[in-house]
Protein backbone atom coordinates (compact mmCIF):
# COMPACT_ATOMS: atom_id res chain seq x y z
CA MET A 1 2.06 -33.67 -13.11
CA SER A 2 5.24 -31.67 -13.62
CA LYS A 3 5.14 -28.03 -14.35
CA THR A 4 6.28 -26.68 -17.77
CA GLY A 5 9.01 -24.05 -18.01
CA ILE A 6 6.42 -21.27 -18.77
CA GLU A 7 4.35 -22.21 -15.74
CA LYS A 8 7.49 -22.10 -13.52
CA SER A 9 8.60 -18.72 -14.96
CA VAL A 10 5.06 -17.20 -14.65
CA LYS A 11 4.92 -18.29 -11.01
CA LEU A 12 8.48 -16.91 -10.31
CA LEU A 13 7.48 -13.74 -12.01
CA TRP A 14 4.39 -13.47 -9.83
CA VAL A 15 6.25 -14.19 -6.62
CA VAL A 16 8.92 -11.59 -7.40
CA GLY A 17 6.17 -9.15 -8.25
CA ILE A 18 4.61 -9.76 -4.87
CA GLY A 19 7.90 -9.15 -3.17
CA VAL A 20 8.56 -5.90 -4.95
CA TRP A 21 5.02 -4.76 -4.22
CA GLY A 22 5.33 -5.63 -0.49
CA SER A 23 8.65 -3.73 -0.24
CA MET A 24 7.18 -0.69 -1.96
CA VAL A 25 4.16 -0.60 0.29
CA ALA A 26 6.49 -0.77 3.38
CA LEU A 27 8.77 2.06 1.98
CA LEU A 28 5.83 4.27 1.11
CA TRP A 29 4.17 3.64 4.37
CA TRP A 30 7.38 4.73 6.16
CA HIS A 31 7.60 7.78 4.01
CA LEU A 32 4.06 8.63 4.66
CA TYR A 33 4.71 9.09 8.35
CA GLU A 34 8.11 10.80 7.80
CA ALA A 35 6.51 13.53 5.69
CA GLN A 36 7.24 17.05 6.90
CA THR A 37 4.58 18.86 4.93
CA PHE A 38 0.98 18.23 3.93
CA ALA A 39 1.98 18.13 0.21
CA GLN A 40 4.55 15.42 0.92
CA ALA A 41 2.01 13.43 2.84
CA SER A 42 -0.58 13.81 0.17
CA LEU A 43 1.81 12.81 -2.57
CA ASN A 44 2.93 9.69 -0.64
CA SER A 45 -0.61 8.78 0.16
CA THR A 46 -1.56 8.97 -3.49
CA ARG A 47 1.45 6.79 -4.37
CA LEU A 48 0.50 4.28 -1.71
CA GLY A 49 -2.96 4.05 -3.18
CA LEU A 50 -1.60 3.38 -6.61
CA VAL A 51 0.83 0.86 -5.46
CA SER A 52 -1.90 -0.87 -3.37
CA ALA A 53 -4.24 -0.86 -6.46
CA ILE A 54 -1.53 -2.43 -8.53
CA GLY A 55 -0.94 -5.12 -5.83
CA ILE A 56 -4.63 -5.92 -5.92
CA PHE A 57 -4.83 -6.38 -9.66
CA TRP A 58 -1.44 -8.38 -9.52
CA SER A 59 -3.00 -10.70 -6.90
CA LEU A 60 -6.14 -11.11 -9.02
CA ALA A 61 -4.02 -11.91 -12.07
CA GLY A 62 -2.36 -14.63 -10.02
CA ALA A 63 -5.68 -16.05 -8.91
CA ALA A 64 -7.02 -16.10 -12.47
CA TRP A 65 -3.82 -17.80 -13.49
CA LEU A 66 -4.15 -20.48 -10.83
CA ALA A 67 -7.79 -20.97 -11.82
CA LYS A 68 -6.88 -21.44 -15.43
CA LEU A 69 -4.13 -23.85 -14.50
CA LYS A 70 -6.45 -25.95 -12.47
CA LYS A 71 -9.11 -26.01 -15.12
CA THR A 72 -6.56 -27.08 -17.78
CA ARG A 73 -5.23 -29.90 -15.56
CA THR A 74 -8.66 -31.32 -14.72
CA THR A 75 -9.74 -31.49 -18.33
């Protein structure tokens, strides 16, 4: 079956989101080790945790979307 325009745009949005998330994790990880004070390291660590949590939820949303897509195609 061919994908609809909405399915293609949702997949593209998800892939772009994963790319942005990955680059943010890499940037924050680099800044974490470049911190010169404990306060900078703590702030960067907190940001890294928040960005990682967003990535987990973004991945779960993609998995839920794929499960829903498979369910609608089999019925």
